[in-house]
Amino acid sequence: MKGAEIGGAGETILVLNDPSTPAPIPERTSPVGLESYISGTTLISGDGPAWKDVFVQIFSRNRVQHPFLVPAVAEPMIVWVMSGGATVEERDLGGEWEASRVSVGDFFLTRSPAPYEMRWHADGDQPFQVMHLYVSVPLFEKVVRAMLDKAGGNVALKDVSGGRDTAMSKILSLLHGELVRESSGSTLFVEGLALSLAVHLVRHYVVAVSGVRAQNALPGARLRRAVAFMATRLDQPFDLNSLAHAVGMSQFHFSRLFKKATGLSPSLYFIRQRVAKAQQLLQETDISIIEIGLAVGYSSPSHFAQIFRRETGLSPSDYRRG
């Protein structure tokens, strides 16, 4: 399971946010930047010298969140449920929805290399509040080297959805206590807690990564070029030949390596980009549904509605009302 943005030119994958001047959603963003892509209210954020090794935010989330794309972040990210409960669903681009029923104390852990999609529905009377915590890359890699004698790029964190970890919850609770202190927390105590959390993650949630798979996937620069090429042509028919030519590859090799890198074919990825842009237009503008369908390449309103419902579970009109 999102302001400032990081990443070079050509990394955008879709359009979202300000209805008057739509801002691009990057393939990757920073912890601060991610806040702008997830709806809800920011209650408090960690700031000051005590928080250089961890970045912590507390959010009150909307009770119902329709599907949206989340940019990847480089930092290991923990989402910890502090109040309420919800059914949270996640999926990779083009993948199947996977649901987790979460309540207070449950957590999500990710260090996703690519954007993914989320939606949720909170239940009960309690507000749905969560903590987002990011461990700095330098601290994480320092702990990896010290404990495993490996570079940080040779290991990966397991993805955890709706997990429960008593020791982690204790550390997160202590960090929350420091976050709400008037003095913004003790630097020594926060640094110690951050180090303890990083050690806990490496000890219990790190797995080795083989370099072979990464080498057999589309290189990052070419992937970003391909994604940017698609994003500027959502109103046009999908053209694999032009897409492969734009990144300097044959259609066969491009399709094979693109799927290894993203988990889905270029054509399905293109459809997901179209739907994501349609979601943005439905949420942020008063443009008619027919015009939105045309803007993302569907001349037939019924075909547009069919594709949109297949990908989101809602009709365009229901999504706009929601």
C-alpha atoms as a PDB file:
ATOM      1  CA  MET A   1       0.000   0.000   0.000  1.00  0.00           C
ATOM      2  CA  LYS A   2       1.912   8.628  -2.489  1.00  0.00           C
ATOM      3  CA  GLY A   3       4.283  17.487  -2.093  1.00  0.00           C
ATOM      4  CA  ALA A   4       7.923  17.138  -2.906  1.00  0.00           C
ATOM      5  CA  GLU A   5       8.853  14.713  -5.643  1.00  0.00           C
ATOM      6  CA  ILE A   6      12.085  13.011  -6.655  1.00  0.00           C
ATOM      7  CA  GLY A   7      13.130  11.498  -9.952  1.00  0.00           C
ATOM      8  CA  GLY A   8      14.356  12.774 -13.276  1.00  0.00           C
ATOM      9  CA  ALA A   9      12.523  13.760 -16.387  1.00  0.00           C
ATOM     10  CA  GLY A  10      10.396  11.109 -18.016  1.00  0.00           C
ATOM     11  CA  GLU A  11       9.411   9.357 -14.788  1.00  0.00           C
ATOM     12  CA  THR A  12       5.743  10.381 -14.716  1.00  0.00           C
ATOM     13  CA  ILE A  13       3.131   7.745 -15.298  1.00  0.00           C
ATOM     14  CA  LEU A  14      -0.217   9.516 -15.016  1.00  0.00           C
ATOM     15  CA  VAL A  15      -1.921  12.784 -14.233  1.00  0.00           C
ATOM     16  CA  LEU A  16      -3.549  13.605 -10.908  1.00  0.00           C
ATOM     17  CA  ASN A  17      -4.342  16.216  -8.226  1.00  0.00           C
ATOM     18  CA  ASP A  18      -4.970  19.935  -8.995  1.00  0.00           C
ATOM     19  CA  PRO A  19      -7.930  20.139 -11.360  1.00  0.00           C
ATOM     20  CA  SER A  20      -6.795  23.480 -12.792  1.00  0.00           C
ATOM     21  CA  THR A  21      -3.178  22.460 -13.415  1.00  0.00           C
ATOM     22  CA  PRO A  22      -2.991  18.677 -13.161  1.00  0.00           C
ATOM     23  CA  ALA A  23       0.305  17.594 -11.629  1.00  0.00           C
ATOM     24  CA  PRO A  24       2.033  14.431 -12.780  1.00  0.00           C
ATOM     25  CA  ILE A  25       2.213  11.456 -10.482  1.00  0.00           C
ATOM     26  CA  PRO A  26       5.832  10.272 -10.553  1.00  0.00           C
ATOM     27  CA  GLU A  27       6.884   6.677 -10.723  1.00  0.00           C
ATOM     28  CA  ARG A  28       8.697   7.324  -7.427  1.00  0.00           C
ATOM     29  CA  THR A  29       8.384  10.029  -4.808  1.00  0.00           C
ATOM     30  CA  SER A  30       9.698  11.001  -1.388  1.00  0.00           C
ATOM     31  CA  PRO A  31       7.980  10.325   1.949  1.00  0.00           C
ATOM     32  CA  VAL A  32       6.884  13.970   2.064  1.00  0.00           C
ATOM     33  CA  GLY A  33       5.639  13.778  -1.508  1.00  0.00           C
ATOM     34  CA  LEU A  34       3.603  10.620  -0.919  1.00  0.00           C
ATOM     35  CA  GLU A  35       1.351  12.536   1.478  1.00  0.00           C
ATOM     36  CA  SER A  36      -0.159  14.493  -1.419  1.00  0.00           C
ATOM     37  CA  TYR A  37      -1.322  11.350  -3.254  1.00  0.00           C
ATOM     38  CA  ILE A  38      -3.324   9.739  -0.420  1.00  0.00           C
ATOM     39  CA  SER A  39      -6.527  11.392   0.755  1.00  0.00           C
ATOM     40  CA  GLY A  40      -7.120  12.265   4.384  1.00  0.00           C
ATOM     41  CA  THR A  41      -5.905  14.701   7.034  1.00  0.00           C
ATOM     42  CA  THR A  42      -2.354  14.986   8.352  1.00  0.00           C
ATOM     43  CA  LEU A  43      -2.544  15.198  12.144  1.00  0.00           C
ATOM     44  CA  ILE A  44       1.159  15.512  12.963  1.00  0.00           C
ATOM     45  CA  SER A  45       4.569  15.035  11.319  1.00  0.00           C
ATOM     46  CA  GLY A  46       7.998  14.431  12.805  1.00  0.00           C
ATOM     47  CA  ASP A  47      10.332  17.372  12.363  1.00  0.00           C
ATOM     48  CA  GLY A  48      13.567  18.668  13.803  1.00  0.00           C
ATOM     49  CA  PRO A  49      16.997  17.108  14.431  1.00  0.00           C
ATOM     50  CA  ALA A  50      15.632  14.161  16.425  1.00  0.00           C
ATOM     51  CA  TRP A  51      13.934  12.753  13.331  1.00  0.00           C
ATOM     52  CA  LYS A  52      16.755  12.553  10.794  1.00  0.00           C
ATOM     53  CA  ASP A  53      16.792   8.714  10.738  1.00  0.00           C
ATOM     54  CA  VAL A  54      13.018   8.190  10.647  1.00  0.00           C
ATOM     55  CA  PHE A  55      10.226  10.261   9.167  1.00  0.00           C
ATOM     56  CA  VAL A  56       6.900   9.813  10.969  1.00  0.00           C
ATOM     57  CA  GLN A  57       3.431  11.092  10.114  1.00  0.00           C
ATOM     58  CA  ILE A  58       0.019  10.475  11.682  1.00  0.00           C
ATOM     59  CA  PHE A  59      -3.015  10.585   9.376  1.00  0.00           C
ATOM     60  CA  SER A  60      -6.767  10.416   9.718  1.00  0.00           C
ATOM     61  CA  ARG A  61      -7.930   8.657   6.575  1.00  0.00           C
ATOM     62  CA  ASN A  62     -11.233   8.907   4.727  1.00  0.00           C
ATOM     63  CA  ARG A  63     -13.626   6.127   5.663  1.00  0.00           C
ATOM     64  CA  VAL A  64     -14.038   5.053   2.033  1.00  0.00           C
ATOM     65  CA  GLN A  65     -11.186   5.277  -0.432  1.00  0.00           C
ATOM     66  CA  HIS A  66     -11.737   4.333  -4.064  1.00  0.00           C
ATOM     67  CA  PRO A  67      -8.850   2.808  -6.045  1.00  0.00           C
ATOM     68  CA  PHE A  68      -5.835   5.071  -6.527  1.00  0.00           C
ATOM     69  CA  LEU A  69      -2.223   4.628  -7.556  1.00  0.00           C
ATOM     70  CA  VAL A  70       0.534   4.994  -4.967  1.00  0.00           C
ATOM     71  CA  PRO A  71       4.002   6.085  -6.170  1.00  0.00           C
ATOM     72  CA  ALA A  72       6.905   3.975  -4.951  1.00  0.00           C
ATOM     73  CA  VAL A  73       9.253   5.338  -2.283  1.00  0.00           C
ATOM     74  CA  ALA A  74      12.895   4.380  -1.794  1.00  0.00           C
ATOM     75  CA  GLU A  75      12.683   4.221   1.992  1.00  0.00           C
ATOM     76  CA  PRO A  76      11.381   1.173   3.871  1.00  0.00           C
ATOM     77  CA  MET A  77       7.822   2.138   4.799  1.00  0.00           C
ATOM     78  CA  ILE A  78       5.642   0.961   7.685  1.00  0.00           C
ATOM     79  CA  VAL A  79       1.945   1.813   7.980  1.00  0.00           C
ATOM     80  CA  TRP A  80       0.652   1.096  11.503  1.00  0.00           C
ATOM     81  CA  VAL A  81      -3.044   1.187  12.406  1.00  0.00           C
ATOM     82  CA  MET A  82      -3.583   3.374  15.491  1.00  0.00           C
ATOM     83  CA  SER A  83      -7.374   3.726  15.576  1.00  0.00           C
ATOM     84  CA  GLY A  84     -10.336   2.020  13.953  1.00  0.00           C
ATOM     85  CA  GLY A  85     -10.403  -0.857  11.532  1.00  0.00           C
ATOM     86  CA  ALA A  86     -10.814  -1.351   7.809  1.00  0.00           C
ATOM     87  CA  THR A  87     -10.691  -3.755   4.919  1.00  0.00           C
ATOM     88  CA  VAL A  88      -7.693  -2.656   2.868  1.00  0.00           C
ATOM     89  CA  GLU A  89      -7.109  -3.977  -0.640  1.00  0.00           C
ATOM     90  CA  GLU A  90      -3.889  -3.745  -2.656  1.00  0.00           C
ATOM     91  CA  ARG A  91      -2.753  -4.916  -6.061  1.00  0.00           C
ATOM     92  CA  ASP A  92       0.153  -4.528  -8.438  1.00  0.00           C
ATOM     93  CA  LEU A  93      -0.618  -2.799 -11.711  1.00  0.00           C
ATOM     94  CA  GLY A  94      -2.789  -5.196 -13.656  1.00  0.00           C
ATOM     95  CA  GLY A  95      -2.885  -7.725 -10.827  1.00  0.00           C
ATOM     96  CA  GLU A  96      -5.629  -9.140  -8.657  1.00  0.00           C
ATOM     97  CA  TRP A  97      -6.922  -7.356  -5.564  1.00  0.00           C
ATOM     98  CA  GLU A  98      -5.683  -8.811  -2.265  1.00  0.00           C
ATOM     99  CA  ALA A  99      -7.685  -7.888   0.831  1.00  0.00           C
ATOM    100  CA  SER A 100      -6.514  -7.546   4.436  1.00  0.00           C
ATOM    101  CA  ARG A 101      -8.820  -6.947   7.385  1.00  0.00           C
ATOM    102  CA  VAL A 102      -6.896  -4.704   9.788  1.00  0.00           C
ATOM    103  CA  SER A 103      -7.467  -3.267  13.251  1.00  0.00           C
ATOM    104  CA  VAL A 104      -5.450  -1.404  15.877  1.00  0.00           C
ATOM    105  CA  GLY A 105      -1.875  -2.701  16.059  1.00  0.00           C
ATOM    106  CA  ASP A 106      -1.777  -4.262  12.587  1.00  0.00           C
ATOM    107  CA  PHE A 107       0.831  -3.037  10.121  1.00  0.00           C
ATOM    108  CA  PHE A 108       1.853  -2.947   6.473  1.00  0.00           C
ATOM    109  CA  LEU A 109       5.479  -3.085   5.377  1.00  0.00           C
ATOM    110  CA  THR A 110       6.738  -2.303   1.899  1.00  0.00           C
ATOM    111  CA  ARG A 111       9.712  -1.091  -0.044  1.00  0.00           C
ATOM    112  CA  SER A 112       8.015  -1.332  -3.413  1.00  0.00           C
ATOM    113  CA  PRO A 113      10.181  -0.605  -6.476  1.00  0.00           C
ATOM    114  CA  ALA A 114       7.106   0.288  -8.548  1.00  0.00           C
ATOM    115  CA  PRO A 115       3.749   2.041  -8.122  1.00  0.00           C
ATOM    116  CA  TYR A 116       0.837  -0.036  -6.884  1.00  0.00           C
ATOM    117  CA  GLU A 117      -2.859   0.465  -6.225  1.00  0.00           C
ATOM    118  CA  MET A 118      -4.888   0.618  -3.015  1.00  0.00           C
ATOM    119  CA  ARG A 119      -8.444   1.057  -1.800  1.00  0.00           C
ATOM    120  CA  TRP A 120     -10.128   0.580   1.569  1.00  0.00           C
ATOM    121  CA  HIS A 121     -13.377   0.742   3.502  1.00  0.00           C
ATOM    122  CA  ALA A 122     -13.276   1.568   7.213  1.00  0.00           C
ATOM    123  CA  ASP A 123     -15.881   0.161   9.588  1.00  0.00           C
ATOM    124  CA  GLY A 124     -17.116   0.853  13.088  1.00  0.00           C
ATOM    125  CA  ASP A 125     -17.454   4.214  14.804  1.00  0.00           C
ATOM    126  CA  GLN A 126     -13.783   4.929  15.462  1.00  0.00           C
ATOM    127  CA  PRO A 127     -11.823   7.216  13.111  1.00  0.00           C
ATOM    128  CA  PHE A 128      -9.425   5.336  10.842  1.00  0.00           C
ATOM    129  CA  GLN A 129      -6.025   6.703  11.868  1.00  0.00           C
ATOM    130  CA  VAL A 130      -2.632   5.384  10.822  1.00  0.00           C
ATOM    131  CA  MET A 131       1.039   6.106  11.343  1.00  0.00           C
ATOM    132  CA  HIS A 132       3.362   6.241   8.356  1.00  0.00           C
ATOM    133  CA  LEU A 133       6.986   5.634   9.251  1.00  0.00           C
ATOM    134  CA  TYR A 134       9.941   5.666   6.862  1.00  0.00           C
ATOM    135  CA  VAL A 135      13.387   4.407   7.838  1.00  0.00           C
ATOM    136  CA  SER A 136      16.108   6.466   6.153  1.00  0.00           C
ATOM    137  CA  VAL A 137      18.003   4.641   3.418  1.00  0.00           C
ATOM    138  CA  PRO A 138      21.433   5.423   4.995  1.00  0.00           C
ATOM    139  CA  LEU A 139      20.364   3.947   8.343  1.00  0.00           C
ATOM    140  CA  PHE A 140      18.805   0.873   6.745  1.00  0.00           C
ATOM    141  CA  GLU A 141      21.879   0.174   4.592  1.00  0.00           C
ATOM    142  CA  LYS A 142      24.196   0.769   7.549  1.00  0.00           C
ATOM    143  CA  VAL A 143      22.329  -1.866   9.569  1.00  0.00           C
ATOM    144  CA  VAL A 144      22.293  -4.289   6.620  1.00  0.00           C
ATOM    145  CA  ARG A 145      26.058  -3.982   6.242  1.00  0.00           C
ATOM    146  CA  ALA A 146      26.665  -4.389   9.961  1.00  0.00           C
ATOM    147  CA  MET A 147      24.380  -7.392  10.382  1.00  0.00           C
ATOM    148  CA  LEU A 148      24.664  -9.184   7.046  1.00  0.00           C
ATOM    149  CA  ASP A 149      27.912  -7.865   5.576  1.00  0.00           C
ATOM    150  CA  LYS A 150      26.022  -7.035   2.363  1.00  0.00           C
ATOM    151  CA  ALA A 151      25.196  -3.898   0.437  1.00  0.00           C
ATOM    152  CA  GLY A 152      21.646  -2.671   0.872  1.00  0.00           C
ATOM    153  CA  GLY A 153      20.880  -3.324  -2.785  1.00  0.00           C
ATOM    154  CA  ASN A 154      21.477  -7.074  -2.342  1.00  0.00           C
ATOM    155  CA  VAL A 155      18.581  -7.547   0.065  1.00  0.00           C
ATOM    156  CA  ALA A 156      14.889  -6.729   0.024  1.00  0.00           C
ATOM    157  CA  LEU A 157      12.184  -6.383   2.626  1.00  0.00           C
ATOM    158  CA  LYS A 158       9.283  -8.788   2.614  1.00  0.00           C
ATOM    159  CA  ASP A 159       5.947  -7.216   1.775  1.00  0.00           C
ATOM    160  CA  VAL A 160       3.631  -7.570   4.768  1.00  0.00           C
ATOM    161  CA  SER A 161      -0.076  -6.676   4.628  1.00  0.00           C
ATOM    162  CA  GLY A 162      -2.114  -6.718   7.817  1.00  0.00           C
ATOM    163  CA  GLY A 163       0.641  -8.269   9.938  1.00  0.00           C
ATOM    164  CA  ARG A 164       1.019  -8.082  13.707  1.00  0.00           C
ATOM    165  CA  ASP A 165       4.335  -7.726  15.498  1.00  0.00           C
ATOM    166  CA  THR A 166       4.344  -7.015  19.243  1.00  0.00           C
ATOM    167  CA  ALA A 167       7.960  -5.866  19.360  1.00  0.00           C
ATOM    168  CA  MET A 168       7.507  -3.524  16.400  1.00  0.00           C
ATOM    169  CA  SER A 169       4.313  -2.104  17.879  1.00  0.00           C
ATOM    170  CA  LYS A 170       6.186  -1.308  21.097  1.00  0.00           C
ATOM    171  CA  ILE A 171       8.874   0.618  19.203  1.00  0.00           C
ATOM    172  CA  LEU A 172       6.262   2.471  17.138  1.00  0.00           C
ATOM    173  CA  SER A 173       4.287   3.338  20.256  1.00  0.00           C
ATOM    174  CA  LEU A 174       7.406   4.801  21.884  1.00  0.00           C
ATOM    175  CA  LEU A 175       8.164   6.813  18.758  1.00  0.00           C
ATOM    176  CA  HIS A 176       4.612   8.150  18.786  1.00  0.00           C
ATOM    177  CA  GLY A 177       5.101   9.216  22.386  1.00  0.00           C
ATOM    178  CA  GLU A 178       8.188  11.195  21.410  1.00  0.00           C
ATOM    179  CA  LEU A 179       6.414  12.654  18.393  1.00  0.00           C
ATOM    180  CA  VAL A 180       3.699  14.282  20.491  1.00  0.00           C
ATOM    181  CA  ARG A 181       6.022  15.655  23.157  1.00  0.00           C
ATOM    182  CA  GLU A 182       6.227  19.446  23.254  1.00  0.00           C
ATOM    183  CA  SER A 183      10.001  19.309  22.833  1.00  0.00           C
ATOM    184  CA  SER A 184       9.610  17.270  19.586  1.00  0.00           C
ATOM    185  CA  GLY A 185      11.309  14.317  21.235  1.00  0.00           C
ATOM    186  CA  SER A 186      14.703  13.445  22.654  1.00  0.00           C
ATOM    187  CA  THR A 187      17.260  13.132  19.864  1.00  0.00           C
ATOM    188  CA  LEU A 188      19.136  10.333  21.632  1.00  0.00           C
ATOM    189  CA  PHE A 189      15.973   8.382  22.396  1.00  0.00           C
ATOM    190  CA  VAL A 190      14.548   8.737  18.876  1.00  0.00           C
ATOM    191  CA  GLU A 191      17.890   7.768  17.314  1.00  0.00           C
ATOM    192  CA  GLY A 192      18.022   4.706  19.560  1.00  0.00           C
ATOM    193  CA  LEU A 193      14.473   3.712  18.671  1.00  0.00           C
ATOM    194  CA  ALA A 194      15.170   4.217  14.956  1.00  0.00           C
ATOM    195  CA  LEU A 195      18.239   1.995  15.165  1.00  0.00           C
ATOM    196  CA  SER A 196      16.296  -0.646  17.103  1.00  0.00           C
ATOM    197  CA  LEU A 197      13.540  -0.598  14.492  1.00  0.00           C
ATOM    198  CA  ALA A 198      16.025  -0.949  11.626  1.00  0.00           C
ATOM    199  CA  VAL A 199      17.710  -3.890  13.369  1.00  0.00           C
ATOM    200  CA  HIS A 200      14.310  -5.499  13.940  1.00  0.00           C
ATOM    201  CA  LEU A 201      13.403  -5.122  10.262  1.00  0.00           C
ATOM    202  CA  VAL A 202      16.693  -6.611   9.069  1.00  0.00           C
ATOM    203  CA  ARG A 203      16.485  -9.451  11.593  1.00  0.00           C
ATOM    204  CA  HIS A 204      12.919 -10.490  10.803  1.00  0.00           C
ATOM    205  CA  TYR A 205      11.849  -9.134   7.406  1.00  0.00           C
ATOM    206  CA  VAL A 206      14.868  -9.075   5.083  1.00  0.00           C
ATOM    207  CA  VAL A 207      15.396 -11.604   2.284  1.00  0.00           C
ATOM    208  CA  ALA A 208      18.300 -11.979  -0.143  1.00  0.00           C
ATOM    209  CA  VAL A 209      17.805 -10.797  -3.713  1.00  0.00           C
ATOM    210  CA  SER A 210      19.366 -12.463  -6.722  1.00  0.00           C
ATOM    211  CA  GLY A 211      20.845 -10.062  -9.262  1.00  0.00           C
ATOM    212  CA  VAL A 212      19.879 -12.379 -12.134  1.00  0.00           C
ATOM    213  CA  ARG A 213      16.214 -11.423 -12.162  1.00  0.00           C
ATOM    214  CA  ALA A 214      16.945  -7.694 -12.126  1.00  0.00           C
ATOM    215  CA  GLN A 215      19.375  -8.050 -15.031  1.00  0.00           C
ATOM    216  CA  ASN A 216      16.732  -9.830 -17.078  1.00  0.00           C
ATOM    217  CA  ALA A 217      14.179  -7.037 -16.636  1.00  0.00           C
ATOM    218  CA  LEU A 218      13.873  -3.805 -18.591  1.00  0.00           C
ATOM    219  CA  PRO A 219      16.488  -1.303 -17.315  1.00  0.00           C
ATOM    220  CA  GLY A 220      15.055   1.523 -15.241  1.00  0.00           C
ATOM    221  CA  ALA A 221      15.888   4.303 -17.708  1.00  0.00           C
ATOM    222  CA  ARG A 222      14.159   2.502 -20.571  1.00  0.00           C
ATOM    223  CA  LEU A 223      11.199   1.606 -18.382  1.00  0.00           C
ATOM    224  CA  ARG A 224      10.727   5.248 -17.416  1.00  0.00           C
ATOM    225  CA  ARG A 225      11.013   6.281 -21.070  1.00  0.00           C
ATOM    226  CA  ALA A 226       8.384   3.732 -22.083  1.00  0.00           C
ATOM    227  CA  VAL A 227       5.996   4.737 -19.294  1.00  0.00           C
ATOM    228  CA  ALA A 228       6.372   8.429 -20.160  1.00  0.00           C
ATOM    229  CA  PHE A 229       5.803   7.669 -23.856  1.00  0.00           C
ATOM    230  CA  MET A 230       2.533   5.895 -23.036  1.00  0.00           C
ATOM    231  CA  ALA A 231       1.395   8.636 -20.664  1.00  0.00           C
ATOM    232  CA  THR A 232       1.463  11.268 -23.416  1.00  0.00           C
ATOM    233  CA  ARG A 233      -0.575   9.118 -25.826  1.00  0.00           C
ATOM    234  CA  LEU A 234      -3.487   7.869 -23.754  1.00  0.00           C
ATOM    235  CA  ASP A 235      -5.987   9.255 -26.261  1.00  0.00           C
ATOM    236  CA  GLN A 236      -4.398   7.285 -29.092  1.00  0.00           C
ATOM    237  CA  PRO A 237      -4.568   3.556 -29.944  1.00  0.00           C
ATOM    238  CA  PHE A 238      -1.943   1.396 -28.286  1.00  0.00           C
ATOM    239  CA  ASP A 239       1.026   1.035 -30.666  1.00  0.00           C
ATOM    240  CA  LEU A 240       3.571  -1.547 -29.555  1.00  0.00           C
ATOM    241  CA  ASN A 241       5.829  -0.894 -32.539  1.00  0.00           C
ATOM    242  CA  SER A 242       6.155   2.834 -31.799  1.00  0.00           C
ATOM    243  CA  LEU A 243       6.608   2.145 -28.103  1.00  0.00           C
ATOM    244  CA  ALA A 244       9.402  -0.354 -28.655  1.00  0.00           C
ATOM    245  CA  HIS A 245      11.021   1.979 -31.176  1.00  0.00           C
ATOM    246  CA  ALA A 246      10.946   4.832 -28.631  1.00  0.00           C
ATOM    247  CA  VAL A 247      13.170   2.833 -26.294  1.00  0.00           C
ATOM    248  CA  GLY A 248      15.347   1.395 -29.053  1.00  0.00           C
ATOM    249  CA  MET A 249      14.307  -2.257 -28.838  1.00  0.00           C
ATOM    250  CA  SER A 250      12.533  -4.886 -30.902  1.00  0.00           C
ATOM    251  CA  GLN A 251       8.898  -5.519 -30.068  1.00  0.00           C
ATOM    252  CA  PHE A 252       9.612  -9.045 -28.866  1.00  0.00           C
ATOM    253  CA  HIS A 253      12.427  -8.163 -26.468  1.00  0.00           C
ATOM    254  CA  PHE A 254      10.710  -5.030 -25.245  1.00  0.00           C
ATOM    255  CA  SER A 255       7.463  -6.859 -24.415  1.00  0.00           C
ATOM    256  CA  ARG A 256       9.275  -9.669 -22.623  1.00  0.00           C
ATOM    257  CA  LEU A 257      11.505  -7.388 -20.527  1.00  0.00           C
ATOM    258  CA  PHE A 258       8.699  -4.897 -19.808  1.00  0.00           C
ATOM    259  CA  LYS A 259       6.576  -7.679 -18.361  1.00  0.00           C
ATOM    260  CA  LYS A 260       9.487  -8.872 -16.212  1.00  0.00           C
ATOM    261  CA  ALA A 261       9.931  -5.341 -14.880  1.00  0.00           C
ATOM    262  CA  THR A 262       6.268  -4.504 -14.237  1.00  0.00           C
ATOM    263  CA  GLY A 263       4.464  -7.836 -13.997  1.00  0.00           C
ATOM    264  CA  LEU A 264       2.124  -7.158 -16.906  1.00  0.00           C
ATOM    265  CA  SER A 265       2.187  -6.695 -20.644  1.00  0.00           C
ATOM    266  CA  PRO A 266       2.694  -3.228 -22.184  1.00  0.00           C
ATOM    267  CA  SER A 267      -0.897  -3.205 -23.462  1.00  0.00           C
ATOM    268  CA  LEU A 268      -2.373  -3.954 -20.034  1.00  0.00           C
ATOM    269  CA  TYR A 269      -0.123  -1.360 -18.428  1.00  0.00           C
ATOM    270  CA  PHE A 270      -1.386   1.144 -21.000  1.00  0.00           C
ATOM    271  CA  ILE A 271      -4.988   0.331 -20.096  1.00  0.00           C
ATOM    272  CA  ARG A 272      -4.210   0.892 -16.423  1.00  0.00           C
ATOM    273  CA  GLN A 273      -2.740   4.302 -17.253  1.00  0.00           C
ATOM    274  CA  ARG A 274      -5.886   5.195 -19.187  1.00  0.00           C
ATOM    275  CA  VAL A 275      -8.119   4.196 -16.294  1.00  0.00           C
ATOM    276  CA  ALA A 276      -5.953   6.095 -13.804  1.00  0.00           C
ATOM    277  CA  LYS A 277      -6.250   9.277 -15.855  1.00  0.00           C
ATOM    278  CA  ALA A 278      -9.994   8.751 -16.170  1.00  0.00           C
ATOM    279  CA  GLN A 279     -10.212   8.413 -12.382  1.00  0.00           C
ATOM    280  CA  GLN A 280      -8.426  11.721 -11.969  1.00  0.00           C
ATOM    281  CA  LEU A 281     -10.701  13.485 -14.447  1.00  0.00           C
ATOM    282  CA  LEU A 282     -13.839  12.048 -12.863  1.00  0.00           C
ATOM    283  CA  GLN A 283     -12.744  13.153  -9.391  1.00  0.00           C
ATOM    284  CA  GLU A 284     -11.355  16.572 -10.187  1.00  0.00           C
ATOM    285  CA  THR A 285     -13.285  17.982 -13.142  1.00  0.00           C
ATOM    286  CA  ASP A 286     -16.851  18.430 -14.383  1.00  0.00           C
ATOM    287  CA  ILE A 287     -16.008  17.094 -17.850  1.00  0.00           C
ATOM    288  CA  SER A 288     -18.711  14.775 -19.128  1.00  0.00           C
ATOM    289  CA  ILE A 289     -18.122  11.041 -18.950  1.00  0.00           C
ATOM    290  CA  ILE A 290     -18.307  10.798 -22.733  1.00  0.00           C
ATOM    291  CA  GLU A 291     -15.579  13.435 -23.092  1.00  0.00           C
ATOM    292  CA  ILE A 292     -13.438  11.682 -20.482  1.00  0.00           C
ATOM    293  CA  GLY A 293     -13.776   8.443 -22.387  1.00  0.00           C
ATOM    294  CA  LEU A 294     -12.605  10.198 -25.548  1.00  0.00           C
ATOM    295  CA  ALA A 295      -9.703  11.803 -23.665  1.00  0.00           C
ATOM    296  CA  VAL A 296      -8.393   8.356 -22.730  1.00  0.00           C
ATOM    297  CA  GLY A 297      -8.924   6.777 -26.122  1.00  0.00           C
ATOM    298  CA  TYR A 298     -12.417   5.236 -25.984  1.00  0.00           C
ATOM    299  CA  SER A 299     -14.788   6.479 -28.683  1.00  0.00           C
ATOM    300  CA  SER A 300     -17.512   4.119 -27.476  1.00  0.00           C
ATOM    301  CA  PRO A 301     -19.042   5.146 -24.099  1.00  0.00           C
ATOM    302  CA  SER A 302     -20.150   1.571 -23.433  1.00  0.00           C
ATOM    303  CA  HIS A 303     -16.653   0.207 -24.083  1.00  0.00           C
ATOM    304  CA  PHE A 304     -15.156   2.845 -21.794  1.00  0.00           C
ATOM    305  CA  ALA A 305     -17.663   1.986 -19.060  1.00  0.00           C
ATOM    306  CA  GLN A 306     -16.947  -1.731 -19.475  1.00  0.00           C
ATOM    307  CA  ILE A 307     -13.161  -1.277 -19.146  1.00  0.00           C
ATOM    308  CA  PHE A 308     -13.526   1.152 -16.239  1.00  0.00           C
ATOM    309  CA  ARG A 309     -15.828  -1.184 -14.312  1.00  0.00           C
ATOM    310  CA  ARG A 310     -13.543  -4.147 -14.949  1.00  0.00           C
ATOM    311  CA  GLU A 311     -10.541  -2.288 -13.525  1.00  0.00           C
ATOM    312  CA  THR A 312     -12.156  -0.453 -10.601  1.00  0.00           C
ATOM    313  CA  GLY A 313     -15.321  -2.386  -9.771  1.00  0.00           C
ATOM    314  CA  LEU A 314     -17.438   0.741 -10.351  1.00  0.00           C
ATOM    315  CA  SER A 315     -19.077   2.449 -13.285  1.00  0.00           C
ATOM    316  CA  PRO A 316     -17.667   5.887 -14.196  1.00  0.00           C
ATOM    317  CA  SER A 317     -20.798   7.593 -12.867  1.00  0.00           C
ATOM    318  CA  ASP A 318     -20.705   5.686  -9.566  1.00  0.00           C
ATOM    319  CA  TYR A 319     -17.005   6.488  -9.181  1.00  0.00           C
ATOM    320  CA  ARG A 320     -17.693  10.184  -9.722  1.00  0.00           C
ATOM    321  CA  ARG A 321     -20.529  10.209  -7.170  1.00  0.00           C
ATOM    322  CA  GLY A 322     -18.362   8.346  -4.678  1.00  0.00           C
END
